[in-house]
């Protein structure tokens, strides 16, 4: 499912750095983080 979300500019740069540090592109990194977060909360 595709969804558009607004991410504040001051958050995008650190997210990009985190993605690169994990050898992921930004889109897939954010997807993985969200999926992991939801799985942990269940």
PDB file of N, CA and C in Angstrom:
ATOM      1  N   UNK A   1       0.849  -1.168   0.000  1.00  0.00           N
ATOM      2  CA  UNK A   1       0.000   0.000   0.000  1.00  0.00           C
ATOM      3  C   UNK A   1       0.897   1.234   0.000  1.00  0.00           C
ATOM      4  N   UNK A   2       0.591   2.169  -0.839  1.00  0.00           N
ATOM      5  CA  UNK A   2       1.356   3.411  -0.888  1.00  0.00           C
ATOM      6  C   UNK A   2       0.644   4.476  -0.078  1.00  0.00           C
ATOM      7  N   UNK A   3       1.425   5.206   0.689  1.00  0.00           N
ATOM      8  CA  UNK A   3       0.926   6.329   1.473  1.00  0.00           C
ATOM      9  C   UNK A   3       1.947   7.450   1.384  1.00  0.00           C
ATOM     10  N   UNK A   4       1.466   8.655   1.311  1.00  0.00           N
ATOM     11  CA  UNK A   4       2.352   9.821   1.354  1.00  0.00           C
ATOM     12  C   UNK A   4       2.382  10.340   2.784  1.00  0.00           C
ATOM     13  N   UNK A   5       3.573  10.614   3.279  1.00  0.00           N
ATOM     14  CA  UNK A   5       3.700  11.197   4.610  1.00  0.00           C
ATOM     15  C   UNK A   5       4.604  12.418   4.525  1.00  0.00           C
ATOM     16  N   UNK A   6       4.353  13.377   5.380  1.00  0.00           N
ATOM     17  CA  UNK A   6       5.192  14.568   5.461  1.00  0.00           C
ATOM     18  C   UNK A   6       6.210  14.369   6.573  1.00  0.00           C
ATOM     19  N   UNK A   7       7.467  14.524   6.228  1.00  0.00           N
ATOM     20  CA  UNK A   7       8.545  14.407   7.203  1.00  0.00           C
ATOM     21  C   UNK A   7       9.234  15.762   7.269  1.00  0.00           C
ATOM     22  N   UNK A   8       9.356  16.318   8.470  1.00  0.00           N
ATOM     23  CA  UNK A   8       9.994  17.629   8.594  1.00  0.00           C
ATOM     24  C   UNK A   8      11.424  17.610   8.046  1.00  0.00           C
ATOM     25  N   UNK A   9      11.814  18.705   7.425  1.00  0.00           N
ATOM     26  CA  UNK A   9      13.138  18.808   6.807  1.00  0.00           C
ATOM     27  C   UNK A   9      14.273  18.499   7.783  1.00  0.00           C
ATOM     28  N   UNK A  10      14.116  18.927   9.033  1.00  0.00           N
ATOM     29  CA  UNK A  10      15.187  18.699  10.006  1.00  0.00           C
ATOM     30  C   UNK A  10      15.334  17.222  10.390  1.00  0.00           C
ATOM     31  N   UNK A  11      14.364  16.409  10.017  1.00  0.00           N
ATOM     32  CA  UNK A  11      14.410  14.972  10.299  1.00  0.00           C
ATOM     33  C   UNK A  11      14.929  14.186   9.093  1.00  0.00           C
ATOM     34  N   UNK A  12      14.741  14.715   7.903  1.00  0.00           N
ATOM     35  CA  UNK A  12      15.114  13.982   6.689  1.00  0.00           C
ATOM     36  C   UNK A  12      16.620  13.731   6.618  1.00  0.00           C
ATOM     37  N   UNK A  13      17.417  14.733   6.926  1.00  0.00           N
ATOM     38  CA  UNK A  13      18.876  14.552   6.824  1.00  0.00           C
ATOM     39  C   UNK A  13      19.373  13.451   7.759  1.00  0.00           C
ATOM     40  N   UNK A  14      18.997  13.472   9.049  1.00  0.00           N
ATOM     41  CA  UNK A  14      19.441  12.374   9.914  1.00  0.00           C
ATOM     42  C   UNK A  14      18.907  11.011   9.458  1.00  0.00           C
ATOM     43  N   UNK A  15      17.702  10.980   8.927  1.00  0.00           N
ATOM     44  CA  UNK A  15      17.150   9.720   8.409  1.00  0.00           C
ATOM     45  C   UNK A  15      17.977   9.205   7.242  1.00  0.00           C
ATOM     46  N   UNK A  16      18.372  10.102   6.344  1.00  0.00           N
ATOM     47  CA  UNK A  16      19.205   9.698   5.204  1.00  0.00           C
ATOM     48  C   UNK A  16      20.541   9.134   5.677  1.00  0.00           C
ATOM     49  N   UNK A  17      21.130   9.761   6.680  1.00  0.00           N
ATOM     50  CA  UNK A  17      22.396   9.276   7.226  1.00  0.00           C
ATOM     51  C   UNK A  17      22.210   7.896   7.845  1.00  0.00           C
ATOM     52  N   UNK A  18      21.128   7.711   8.598  1.00  0.00           N
ATOM     53  CA  UNK A  18      20.848   6.416   9.204  1.00  0.00           C
ATOM     54  C   UNK A  18      20.650   5.351   8.129  1.00  0.00           C
ATOM     55  N   UNK A  19      19.968   5.702   7.059  1.00  0.00           N
ATOM     56  CA  UNK A  19      19.741   4.754   5.964  1.00  0.00           C
ATOM     57  C   UNK A  19      21.062   4.345   5.331  1.00  0.00           C
ATOM     58  N   UNK A  20      21.921   5.313   5.042  1.00  0.00           N
ATOM     59  CA  UNK A  20      23.225   5.014   4.434  1.00  0.00           C
ATOM     60  C   UNK A  20      24.054   4.138   5.374  1.00  0.00           C
ATOM     61  N   UNK A  21      24.027   4.440   6.662  1.00  0.00           N
ATOM     62  CA  UNK A  21      24.774   3.644   7.640  1.00  0.00           C
ATOM     63  C   UNK A  21      24.285   2.198   7.705  1.00  0.00           C
ATOM     64  N   UNK A  22      23.051   1.970   7.284  1.00  0.00           N
ATOM     65  CA  UNK A  22      22.474   0.622   7.277  1.00  0.00           C
ATOM     66  C   UNK A  22      22.420   0.024   5.873  1.00  0.00           C
ATOM     67  N   UNK A  23      23.153   0.635   4.944  1.00  0.00           N
ATOM     68  CA  UNK A  23      23.216   0.165   3.545  1.00  0.00           C
ATOM     69  C   UNK A  23      21.835   0.017   2.916  1.00  0.00           C
ATOM     70  N   UNK A  24      20.958   0.990   3.184  1.00  0.00           N
ATOM     71  CA  UNK A  24      19.597   0.974   2.656  1.00  0.00           C
ATOM     72  C   UNK A  24      19.318   2.313   1.979  1.00  0.00           C
ATOM     73  N   UNK A  25      18.372   2.314   1.048  1.00  0.00           N
ATOM     74  CA  UNK A  25      17.920   3.603   0.547  1.00  0.00           C
ATOM     75  C   UNK A  25      16.882   4.136   1.543  1.00  0.00           C
ATOM     76  N   UNK A  26      16.591   5.412   1.453  1.00  0.00           N
ATOM     77  CA  UNK A  26      15.731   6.059   2.450  1.00  0.00           C
ATOM     78  C   UNK A  26      14.360   5.407   2.528  1.00  0.00           C
ATOM     79  N   UNK A  27      13.745   5.162   1.395  1.00  0.00           N
ATOM     80  CA  UNK A  27      12.399   4.576   1.367  1.00  0.00           C
ATOM     81  C   UNK A  27      12.364   3.235   2.089  1.00  0.00           C
ATOM     82  N   UNK A  28      13.274   2.351   1.747  1.00  0.00           N
ATOM     83  CA  UNK A  28      13.281   1.029   2.358  1.00  0.00           C
ATOM     84  C   UNK A  28      13.680   1.080   3.829  1.00  0.00           C
ATOM     85  N   UNK A  29      14.543   1.989   4.177  1.00  0.00           N
ATOM     86  CA  UNK A  29      14.930   2.138   5.575  1.00  0.00           C
ATOM     87  C   UNK A  29      13.721   2.549   6.419  1.00  0.00           C
ATOM     88  N   UNK A  30      12.980   3.542   5.956  1.00  0.00           N
ATOM     89  CA  UNK A  30      11.799   3.996   6.694  1.00  0.00           C
ATOM     90  C   UNK A  30      10.776   2.869   6.791  1.00  0.00           C
ATOM     91  N   UNK A  31      10.565   2.142   5.716  1.00  0.00           N
ATOM     92  CA  UNK A  31       9.637   1.000   5.738  1.00  0.00           C
ATOM     93  C   UNK A  31      10.065  -0.004   6.794  1.00  0.00           C
ATOM     94  N   UNK A  32      11.349  -0.348   6.804  1.00  0.00           N
ATOM     95  CA  UNK A  32      11.856  -1.337   7.757  1.00  0.00           C
ATOM     96  C   UNK A  32      11.687  -0.873   9.197  1.00  0.00           C
ATOM     97  N   UNK A  33      11.976   0.407   9.440  1.00  0.00           N
ATOM     98  CA  UNK A  33      11.844   0.950  10.798  1.00  0.00           C
ATOM     99  C   UNK A  33      10.385   0.905  11.246  1.00  0.00           C
ATOM    100  N   UNK A  34       9.479   1.288  10.370  1.00  0.00           N
ATOM    101  CA  UNK A  34       8.056   1.270  10.735  1.00  0.00           C
ATOM    102  C   UNK A  34       7.562  -0.148  10.988  1.00  0.00           C
ATOM    103  N   UNK A  35       7.943  -1.076  10.131  1.00  0.00           N
ATOM    104  CA  UNK A  35       7.530  -2.469  10.297  1.00  0.00           C
ATOM    105  C   UNK A  35       8.076  -3.021  11.612  1.00  0.00           C
ATOM    106  N   UNK A  36       9.348  -2.764  11.881  1.00  0.00           N
ATOM    107  CA  UNK A  36       9.970  -3.238  13.119  1.00  0.00           C
ATOM    108  C   UNK A  36       9.263  -2.660  14.339  1.00  0.00           C
ATOM    109  N   UNK A  37       8.942  -1.388  14.290  1.00  0.00           N
ATOM    110  CA  UNK A  37       8.264  -0.722  15.400  1.00  0.00           C
ATOM    111  C   UNK A  37       6.912  -1.369  15.673  1.00  0.00           C
ATOM    112  N   UNK A  38       6.152  -1.639  14.649  1.00  0.00           N
ATOM    113  CA  UNK A  38       4.824  -2.241  14.819  1.00  0.00           C
ATOM    114  C   UNK A  38       4.941  -3.666  15.361  1.00  0.00           C
ATOM    115  N   UNK A  39       5.890  -4.431  14.835  1.00  0.00           N
ATOM    116  CA  UNK A  39       6.079  -5.808  15.309  1.00  0.00           C
ATOM    117  C   UNK A  39       6.469  -5.846  16.783  1.00  0.00           C
ATOM    118  N   UNK A  40       7.284  -4.898  17.235  1.00  0.00           N
ATOM    119  CA  UNK A  40       7.698  -4.858  18.628  1.00  0.00           C
ATOM    120  C   UNK A  40       6.535  -4.514  19.559  1.00  0.00           C
ATOM    121  N   UNK A  41       5.591  -3.728  19.059  1.00  0.00           N
ATOM    122  CA  UNK A  41       4.483  -3.287  19.913  1.00  0.00           C
ATOM    123  C   UNK A  41       3.386  -4.349  20.047  1.00  0.00           C
ATOM    124  N   UNK A  42       3.450  -5.393  19.241  1.00  0.00           N
ATOM    125  CA  UNK A  42       2.429  -6.451  19.324  1.00  0.00           C
ATOM    126  C   UNK A  42       2.829  -7.559  20.244  1.00  0.00           C
TER     127      UNK A  42
END
